[in-house]
Amino acid sequence: MKKIFFILFSSFLLVSCGDARFNGVPGVYQDVIPSEIHGNYRFYNAYVHSQKFDSLLISIDQYEIKLSTNTETLSKRVHQDFQMTKIKDLILIGTPDKTFNALWNLTVIQATYNGIKVYFINSNVVTKNEPSHLSKYLQVNELMFHHEPINNQPTPVDGGNQIQAGPLGENRIAYYNANAEEFRQYFDAEIKDKDYVFIPRERGMKRRR
C-alpha cells in the first residue's frame, strides 16, 4: 500500500505530471506561498478502496506543502524543492526537470471558493507535421543531446549522453520560452476550465483573501 501513497504523491503538486519543459518559471516570483491557497485540502482516489489510503490530505502554509495519509507524511518547501510565481490569478509551481536540471516542469494552481484546480502542463508529441499546442503561443527551442555544452544552455543532469531520442527526432528535445504573457494566452485558450484536477477544501474551511 505504500506504493499507492507515492503514486498519489507524485501525481499531485510536488512532482509535476507535466512533461513540457521550460527555460524558466513564467510570472512574478513569489517569496512565500500565496495566502489564497493556504489551508487543508482532501484528495480522494475512487480507485483505492482502503480506509488508510483512499484519500490524501494536502496542507499548504506560507513555506511548505505537506501531503499525508493516516500513516505517512511527506513535505516540500518553497525555494528548496520548488519555485513559485504568479500570473494574475494563476499560481505556478516549477520543479526542475529530471533529465535537464536547467529546465522546468510546470503545474498551475487556480484557487476557487471551495478548493483548488490543478493543471499539469503537458506537451503533445512535437513533429514537423503536428506541432505542440504550446508552440502556437510560446517559442520552441531545440536542444541537442550529444553536442558540447553551450553557455546558458541546459545540459543533462549526469553530464552524459545516455538519453533516448526526443520527440523532435534523434538526439533532439523541445523546450519553451517562459514568457508570462504568452503563457497566459495559452492557458486561457487551451486548458482553462477544461483539463484539471479539482481538490476540495476540508469541510468548514474557507478561502483566505
Protein backbone atom coordinates (compact mmCIF):
# COMPACT_ATOMS: atom_id res chain seq x y z
CA MET A 1 0.00 0.00 0.00
CA LYS A 2 2.96 2.33 0.40
CA LYS A 3 3.33 2.27 -3.39
CA ILE A 4 -0.18 3.67 -3.74
CA PHE A 5 0.70 6.58 -1.47
CA PHE A 6 3.72 7.52 -3.54
CA ILE A 7 1.71 7.27 -6.77
CA LEU A 8 -0.77 9.73 -5.29
CA PHE A 9 2.07 11.88 -4.03
CA SER A 10 3.87 12.04 -7.36
CA SER A 11 0.64 12.69 -9.23
CA PHE A 12 -0.06 15.86 -7.28
CA LEU A 13 1.86 19.12 -6.86
CA LEU A 14 5.33 18.28 -5.72
CA VAL A 15 6.45 16.22 -8.68
CA SER A 16 4.82 17.74 -11.69
CA CYS A 17 2.92 15.46 -14.05
CA GLY A 18 3.53 17.95 -16.82
CA ASP A 19 6.02 16.74 -19.41
CA ALA A 20 6.54 20.09 -21.17
CA ARG A 21 9.91 21.69 -20.44
CA PHE A 22 10.50 25.44 -19.98
CA ASN A 23 13.66 27.52 -19.65
CA GLY A 24 12.20 29.24 -16.57
CA VAL A 25 9.07 29.64 -14.48
CA PRO A 26 6.99 32.45 -16.04
CA GLY A 27 5.33 35.10 -13.90
CA VAL A 28 6.12 37.21 -10.84
CA TYR A 29 8.47 35.49 -8.40
CA GLN A 30 6.92 34.65 -5.02
CA ASP A 31 8.99 34.72 -1.81
CA VAL A 32 6.36 32.64 0.01
CA ILE A 33 3.39 30.51 -0.97
CA PRO A 34 0.47 32.87 -1.75
CA SER A 35 -2.09 33.11 1.05
CA GLU A 36 -5.09 32.39 -1.19
CA ILE A 37 -4.18 28.69 -1.35
CA HIS A 38 -3.21 28.26 2.33
CA GLY A 39 -5.29 25.65 4.10
CA ASN A 40 -6.14 21.95 4.12
CA TYR A 41 -7.44 20.01 1.13
CA ARG A 42 -8.53 16.41 0.71
CA PHE A 43 -7.77 14.48 -2.47
CA TYR A 44 -9.96 11.38 -2.84
CA ASN A 45 -8.99 8.46 -5.04
CA ALA A 46 -12.03 6.49 -6.18
CA TYR A 47 -9.82 3.61 -7.34
CA VAL A 48 -8.28 2.91 -3.93
CA HIS A 49 -10.55 1.06 -1.52
CA SER A 50 -8.75 1.33 1.80
CA GLN A 51 -9.50 3.38 4.89
CA LYS A 52 -5.78 4.13 5.19
CA PHE A 53 -5.05 5.11 1.62
CA ASP A 54 -8.28 6.18 -0.10
CA SER A 55 -7.58 9.87 0.46
CA LEU A 56 -4.66 12.25 0.73
CA LEU A 57 -4.60 15.30 2.99
CA ILE A 58 -2.80 18.29 1.45
CA SER A 59 -1.79 21.04 3.87
CA ILE A 60 -0.41 24.29 2.47
CA ASP A 61 1.08 27.10 4.54
CA GLN A 62 3.44 30.00 3.94
CA TYR A 63 6.52 27.90 3.25
CA GLU A 64 5.52 24.29 2.82
CA ILE A 65 3.23 21.83 1.05
CA LYS A 66 2.63 18.70 3.10
CA LEU A 67 0.89 15.52 1.98
CA SER A 68 -0.33 12.95 4.48
CA THR A 69 -2.18 9.67 4.80
CA ASN A 70 -3.06 8.06 8.11
CA THR A 71 0.40 6.50 8.27
CA GLU A 72 2.84 8.68 6.32
CA THR A 73 3.68 12.33 5.73
CA LEU A 74 5.83 13.93 3.04
CA SER A 75 6.57 17.62 2.65
CA LYS A 76 8.31 20.02 0.24
CA ARG A 77 9.42 23.60 0.85
CA VAL A 78 9.27 26.58 -1.47
CA HIS A 79 12.70 27.56 -2.91
CA GLN A 80 14.23 24.38 -1.57
CA ASP A 81 12.17 21.89 -3.59
CA PHE A 82 10.17 24.06 -5.98
CA GLN A 83 9.73 27.66 -7.14
CA MET A 84 6.51 29.67 -7.24
CA THR A 85 5.34 32.53 -9.45
CA LYS A 86 2.05 34.27 -10.19
CA ILE A 87 0.42 35.39 -13.42
CA LYS A 88 -2.61 37.35 -12.20
CA ASP A 89 -4.85 34.73 -10.54
CA LEU A 90 -2.71 31.79 -11.63
CA ILE A 91 -0.15 30.31 -9.25
CA LEU A 92 2.64 28.38 -10.95
CA ILE A 93 4.80 25.70 -9.36
CA GLY A 94 8.09 25.00 -11.12
CA THR A 95 10.04 21.81 -10.42
CA PRO A 96 13.43 21.03 -12.03
CA ASP A 97 13.23 18.61 -14.92
CA LYS A 98 14.63 15.19 -14.01
CA THR A 99 16.73 14.94 -17.17
CA PHE A 100 17.84 18.54 -17.72
CA ASN A 101 18.29 20.36 -14.42
CA ALA A 102 18.30 23.82 -16.05
CA LEU A 103 14.79 23.24 -17.43
CA TRP A 104 11.50 23.31 -15.55
CA ASN A 105 8.22 21.37 -15.49
CA LEU A 106 5.16 23.40 -14.56
CA THR A 107 1.96 22.90 -12.59
CA VAL A 108 -0.70 25.62 -12.40
CA ILE A 109 -3.00 26.15 -9.41
CA GLN A 110 -6.15 28.24 -9.58
CA ALA A 111 -7.89 28.98 -6.27
CA THR A 112 -11.68 28.70 -6.04
CA TYR A 113 -14.07 29.38 -3.16
CA ASN A 114 -14.20 25.74 -2.07
CA GLY A 115 -10.93 24.27 -3.34
CA ILE A 116 -8.21 24.44 -5.96
CA LYS A 117 -7.98 23.50 -9.62
CA VAL A 118 -4.67 21.84 -10.53
CA TYR A 119 -3.45 21.88 -14.13
CA PHE A 120 -0.47 19.87 -15.36
CA ILE A 121 1.26 21.45 -18.34
CA ASN A 122 1.81 18.78 -20.96
CA SER A 123 3.18 18.93 -24.48
CA ASN A 124 1.78 16.93 -27.34
CA VAL A 125 4.32 14.97 -29.35
CA VAL A 126 6.14 17.55 -31.43
CA THR A 127 6.70 16.64 -35.06
CA LYS A 128 7.15 18.70 -38.15
CA ASN A 129 3.62 17.84 -39.26
CA GLU A 130 1.92 18.12 -35.85
CA PRO A 131 3.34 20.85 -33.62
CA SER A 132 2.51 21.05 -29.93
CA HIS A 133 -0.44 23.22 -28.88
CA LEU A 134 2.06 25.10 -26.72
CA SER A 135 4.05 26.08 -29.79
CA LYS A 136 1.11 28.11 -31.09
CA TYR A 137 1.73 30.55 -28.23
CA LEU A 138 5.30 30.10 -26.97
CA GLN A 139 8.59 29.98 -28.80
CA VAL A 140 10.00 26.48 -29.16
CA ASN A 141 13.72 25.81 -28.84
CA GLU A 142 15.58 22.63 -29.70
CA LEU A 143 18.28 21.08 -27.54
CA MET A 144 20.77 18.59 -28.96
CA PHE A 145 21.72 15.80 -26.54
CA HIS A 146 25.17 14.99 -27.86
CA HIS A 147 26.71 18.39 -28.60
CA GLU A 148 29.35 20.08 -26.47
CA PRO A 149 27.81 22.27 -23.71
CA ILE A 150 26.99 25.84 -24.70
CA ASN A 151 26.95 28.66 -22.16
CA ASN A 152 23.49 29.17 -20.61
CA GLN A 153 22.07 26.15 -22.41
CA PRO A 154 20.66 23.17 -20.45
CA THR A 155 22.76 20.01 -20.20
CA PRO A 156 21.90 16.52 -18.91
CA VAL A 157 21.93 16.23 -15.12
CA ASP A 158 24.50 13.43 -15.13
CA GLY A 159 26.65 15.11 -17.79
CA GLY A 160 26.30 12.14 -20.10
CA ASN A 161 24.54 11.43 -23.35
CA GLN A 162 22.78 8.18 -22.44
CA ILE A 163 19.34 9.62 -23.25
CA GLN A 164 16.61 8.28 -25.50
CA ALA A 165 15.72 10.18 -28.65
CA GLY A 166 13.34 13.07 -28.11
CA PRO A 167 10.01 13.68 -29.86
CA LEU A 168 11.57 16.10 -32.34
CA GLY A 169 13.81 13.36 -33.67
CA GLU A 170 17.02 11.58 -32.80
CA ASN A 171 19.03 13.37 -30.08
CA ARG A 172 16.76 16.41 -30.02
CA ILE A 173 14.30 17.70 -27.45
CA ALA A 174 11.97 20.70 -27.32
CA TYR A 175 11.66 23.31 -24.60
CA TYR A 176 9.67 26.54 -24.42
CA ASN A 177 10.47 30.14 -23.57
CA ALA A 178 8.99 31.15 -20.21
CA ASN A 179 7.08 34.25 -21.29
CA ALA A 180 4.30 35.17 -18.84
CA GLU A 181 2.02 36.96 -21.32
CA GLU A 182 2.28 34.20 -23.91
CA PHE A 183 1.80 31.50 -21.27
CA ARG A 184 -1.39 33.21 -20.07
CA GLN A 185 -2.70 33.32 -23.63
CA TYR A 186 -2.02 29.61 -23.98
CA PHE A 187 -3.71 28.82 -20.66
CA ASP A 188 -6.86 30.81 -21.39
CA ALA A 189 -7.25 29.46 -24.92
CA GLU A 190 -6.30 25.83 -24.47
CA ILE A 191 -6.83 24.42 -20.98
CA LYS A 192 -8.68 26.85 -18.68
CA ASP A 193 -11.64 25.05 -17.06
CA LYS A 194 -11.09 22.10 -19.41
CA ASP A 195 -8.32 19.87 -18.15
CA TYR A 196 -7.71 19.98 -14.41
CA VAL A 197 -7.95 18.05 -11.15
CA PHE A 198 -10.26 19.64 -8.58
CA ILE A 199 -9.22 19.21 -4.95
CA PRO A 200 -11.79 20.43 -2.39
CA ARG A 201 -11.01 22.19 0.85
CA GLU A 202 -11.61 20.34 4.07
CA ARG A 203 -15.13 20.96 5.32
CA GLY A 204 -15.51 24.06 7.45
CA MET A 205 -12.55 25.86 5.88
CA LYS A 206 -12.99 28.95 3.75
CA ARG A 207 -10.68 30.54 1.23
CA ARG A 208 -8.32 33.14 2.68
CA ARG A 209 -8.19 36.51 1.00
